[in-house]
Amino acid sequence: MNISEMNVSLFRMINDLGKEFTFLNPIFIFIAQYTIYLLIAVVLFFLIKKERRMIFSAVISLIIAEIGARLVGLLHSNNQPFAELDNVNQLVEKAVDNSFPSDHTIIFFALCFTFFLFKKGFWWIILALFVGISRIWVGVHYPADVIVGAILAIGSSLLIYKIIQKTQNKVQVKNKSENF
């Protein structure tokens, strides 16, 4: 089985769960479409709490991940599963375009992984995972769309976090040496 076949097979496995467990569909629809507003509220909350370094890191991570996504999207392109496959359990409306990689997944992983790095709350990762899975469940992304989006976002978040930490450590060392 090649990668493309595995991608479709895994998509079918997850998306078909919505046909078997229809009572879960409203939950996955909500996660896929509306948790973005929760994330916006969290960002505003952290700004109010003066967590500017963390929010700055998250936003820069998101920008870098999106630039990476545009470059990767030039190398590979696919439409949403509902546009390419028969018998997809499409639960939300979505315009047909290049779904590779998943922008929703990039947004959630860039922000949530950064929050995880700064706050050490493992539930941030769980939230991002649920969003990624929900995008497959509702029929708008393949697993590869989600996986590549997550990898780009996690990589950019780690990079920016390390740069911010290194810069912060240099400032602290400089301030200590100036005090002596």
Protein backbone atom coordinates (compact mmCIF):
# COMPACT_ATOMS: atom_id res chain seq x y z
CA MET A 1 0.00 0.00 0.00
CA ASN A 2 1.50 3.37 -1.02
CA ILE A 3 1.24 6.61 0.96
CA SER A 4 -1.70 7.92 -1.07
CA GLU A 5 -3.68 4.73 -0.47
CA MET A 6 -2.83 4.83 3.25
CA ASN A 7 -3.99 8.46 3.39
CA VAL A 8 -7.35 7.58 1.81
CA SER A 9 -7.70 4.44 3.95
CA LEU A 10 -7.06 6.35 7.18
CA PHE A 11 -9.41 9.10 6.01
CA ARG A 12 -12.15 6.52 5.40
CA MET A 13 -11.56 4.92 8.78
CA ILE A 14 -12.00 8.25 10.64
CA ASN A 15 -14.65 9.82 8.41
CA ASP A 16 -16.79 6.66 8.39
CA LEU A 17 -17.00 6.84 12.19
CA GLY A 18 -19.39 9.75 11.63
CA LYS A 19 -21.72 7.37 9.79
CA GLU A 20 -21.57 4.79 12.57
CA PHE A 21 -21.66 7.14 15.57
CA THR A 22 -23.97 9.86 14.29
CA PHE A 23 -24.66 11.13 17.81
CA LEU A 24 -21.04 12.40 17.89
CA ASN A 25 -21.37 14.41 14.67
CA PRO A 26 -22.65 17.62 16.33
CA ILE A 27 -19.64 17.56 18.68
CA PHE A 28 -17.17 17.17 15.83
CA ILE A 29 -18.96 19.80 13.76
CA PHE A 30 -18.69 22.21 16.69
CA ILE A 31 -14.98 21.43 17.18
CA ALA A 32 -14.23 21.70 13.45
CA GLN A 33 -16.02 24.99 12.94
CA TYR A 34 -16.36 26.91 16.19
CA THR A 35 -13.40 26.22 18.47
CA ILE A 36 -11.50 28.84 16.47
CA TYR A 37 -13.58 31.44 18.36
CA LEU A 38 -12.55 29.85 21.66
CA LEU A 39 -8.92 30.10 20.55
CA ILE A 40 -9.37 33.79 19.70
CA ALA A 41 -10.87 34.36 23.15
CA VAL A 42 -7.91 32.58 24.77
CA VAL A 43 -5.45 34.76 22.85
CA LEU A 44 -7.31 37.90 24.00
CA PHE A 45 -7.34 36.58 27.58
CA PHE A 46 -3.57 36.00 27.49
CA LEU A 47 -3.05 39.48 26.06
CA ILE A 48 -5.08 40.95 28.93
CA LYS A 49 -3.01 38.88 31.38
CA LYS A 50 0.08 40.46 29.80
CA GLU A 51 1.44 37.18 28.40
CA ARG A 52 2.86 39.16 25.50
CA ARG A 53 6.02 37.08 25.02
CA MET A 54 3.95 33.91 24.67
CA ILE A 55 1.42 35.51 22.29
CA PHE A 56 4.23 37.07 20.24
CA SER A 57 5.87 33.64 19.99
CA ALA A 58 2.59 32.02 18.98
CA VAL A 59 1.83 34.59 16.29
CA ILE A 60 5.35 34.45 14.82
CA SER A 61 5.16 30.64 14.89
CA LEU A 62 1.86 30.79 13.04
CA ILE A 63 3.27 33.13 10.41
CA ILE A 64 6.33 30.93 9.84
CA ALA A 65 4.17 27.79 9.67
CA GLU A 66 1.82 29.43 7.15
CA ILE A 67 4.76 30.49 4.97
CA GLY A 68 6.01 26.90 5.15
CA ALA A 69 2.52 25.68 4.27
CA ARG A 70 2.40 27.88 1.17
CA LEU A 71 5.76 26.49 0.05
CA VAL A 72 4.75 22.87 0.75
CA GLY A 73 1.42 23.53 -0.99
CA LEU A 74 3.37 24.38 -4.14
CA LEU A 75 5.01 20.94 -4.05
CA HIS A 76 1.83 18.97 -3.42
CA SER A 77 -1.81 19.78 -3.96
CA ASN A 78 -5.08 17.98 -3.38
CA ASN A 79 -8.67 19.06 -3.08
CA GLN A 80 -10.80 18.25 -0.07
CA PRO A 81 -11.79 14.58 0.26
CA PHE A 82 -15.47 15.37 -0.42
CA ALA A 83 -14.41 16.76 -3.82
CA GLU A 84 -12.20 13.79 -4.73
CA LEU A 85 -13.85 10.73 -3.22
CA ASP A 86 -17.29 9.13 -3.38
CA ASN A 87 -19.45 8.53 -0.33
CA VAL A 88 -17.72 11.03 2.00
CA ASN A 89 -19.55 11.94 5.18
CA GLN A 90 -19.29 15.71 4.56
CA LEU A 91 -20.76 17.44 7.60
CA VAL A 92 -19.75 21.07 6.93
CA GLU A 93 -19.75 23.30 3.88
CA LYS A 94 -16.35 24.18 2.49
CA ALA A 95 -15.17 25.66 -0.79
CA VAL A 96 -13.10 23.35 -2.94
CA ASP A 97 -9.44 24.36 -3.06
CA ASN A 98 -6.04 22.98 -2.10
CA SER A 99 -6.58 21.40 1.30
CA PHE A 100 -2.91 20.54 1.78
CA PRO A 101 -1.86 21.30 4.45
CA SER A 102 -4.74 22.08 6.81
CA ASP A 103 -4.83 25.75 7.84
CA HIS A 104 -7.06 25.00 10.84
CA THR A 105 -4.53 22.46 12.06
CA ILE A 106 -1.67 24.91 11.54
CA ILE A 107 -3.46 27.63 13.50
CA PHE A 108 -4.34 25.35 16.40
CA PHE A 109 -0.98 23.61 16.63
CA ALA A 110 1.03 26.84 16.29
CA LEU A 111 -0.92 28.53 19.08
CA CYS A 112 -1.66 25.53 21.30
CA PHE A 113 1.84 24.06 21.08
CA THR A 114 3.30 27.45 21.96
CA PHE A 115 0.90 27.69 24.93
CA PHE A 116 2.03 24.19 25.92
CA LEU A 117 5.70 25.19 25.77
CA PHE A 118 5.12 28.27 27.92
CA LYS A 119 2.39 26.97 30.24
CA LYS A 120 3.10 23.21 30.28
CA GLY A 121 -0.62 22.40 30.00
CA PHE A 122 -0.91 19.11 28.11
CA TRP A 123 -4.57 19.78 27.36
CA TRP A 124 -3.46 22.35 24.76
CA ILE A 125 -2.06 19.47 22.69
CA ILE A 126 -5.27 17.51 23.17
CA LEU A 127 -7.33 20.46 21.93
CA ALA A 128 -5.16 20.78 18.80
CA LEU A 129 -5.41 17.02 18.18
CA PHE A 130 -9.19 17.12 18.48
CA VAL A 131 -9.38 19.97 15.97
CA GLY A 132 -7.18 18.05 13.52
CA ILE A 133 -9.23 14.86 13.89
CA SER A 134 -12.47 16.81 13.61
CA ARG A 135 -11.40 18.20 10.23
CA ILE A 136 -11.08 14.60 8.97
CA TRP A 137 -14.30 13.48 10.71
CA VAL A 138 -16.35 16.22 8.98
CA GLY A 139 -14.85 15.35 5.58
CA VAL A 140 -12.82 18.44 4.72
CA HIS A 141 -9.24 17.16 5.17
CA TYR A 142 -7.17 14.06 4.62
CA PRO A 143 -4.98 12.79 7.47
CA ALA A 144 -1.84 13.92 5.56
CA ASP A 145 -3.27 17.47 5.40
CA VAL A 146 -3.58 17.44 9.18
CA ILE A 147 -0.27 15.68 9.92
CA VAL A 148 1.79 18.02 7.72
CA GLY A 149 -0.01 21.05 9.17
CA ALA A 150 0.79 19.86 12.69
CA ILE A 151 4.44 19.17 11.84
CA LEU A 152 4.91 22.62 10.30
CA ALA A 153 3.27 24.32 13.29
CA ILE A 154 5.11 22.30 15.94
CA GLY A 155 8.43 22.88 14.18
CA SER A 156 7.91 26.62 13.91
CA SER A 157 6.69 26.81 17.53
CA LEU A 158 9.77 24.98 18.79
CA LEU A 159 12.07 27.17 16.72
CA ILE A 160 10.56 30.44 17.95
CA TYR A 161 10.36 29.20 21.54
CA LYS A 162 14.07 28.33 21.52
CA ILE A 163 14.97 31.69 19.97
CA ILE A 164 12.86 33.55 22.56
CA GLN A 165 14.38 31.52 25.43
CA LYS A 166 17.93 32.11 24.16
CA THR A 167 17.27 35.85 23.76
CA GLN A 168 15.71 36.03 27.22
CA ASN A 169 18.69 34.20 28.76
CA LYS A 170 21.15 36.60 27.09
CA VAL A 171 19.21 39.60 28.43
CA GLN A 172 19.16 38.11 31.93
CA VAL A 173 22.91 37.43 31.84
CA LYS A 174 23.59 40.95 30.55
CA ASN A 175 21.40 42.49 33.29
CA LYS A 176 23.16 40.45 35.98
CA SER A 177 26.61 41.48 34.73
CA GLU A 178 25.57 45.15 34.66
CA ASN A 179 24.49 44.94 38.31
CA PHE A 180 27.95 43.92 39.47
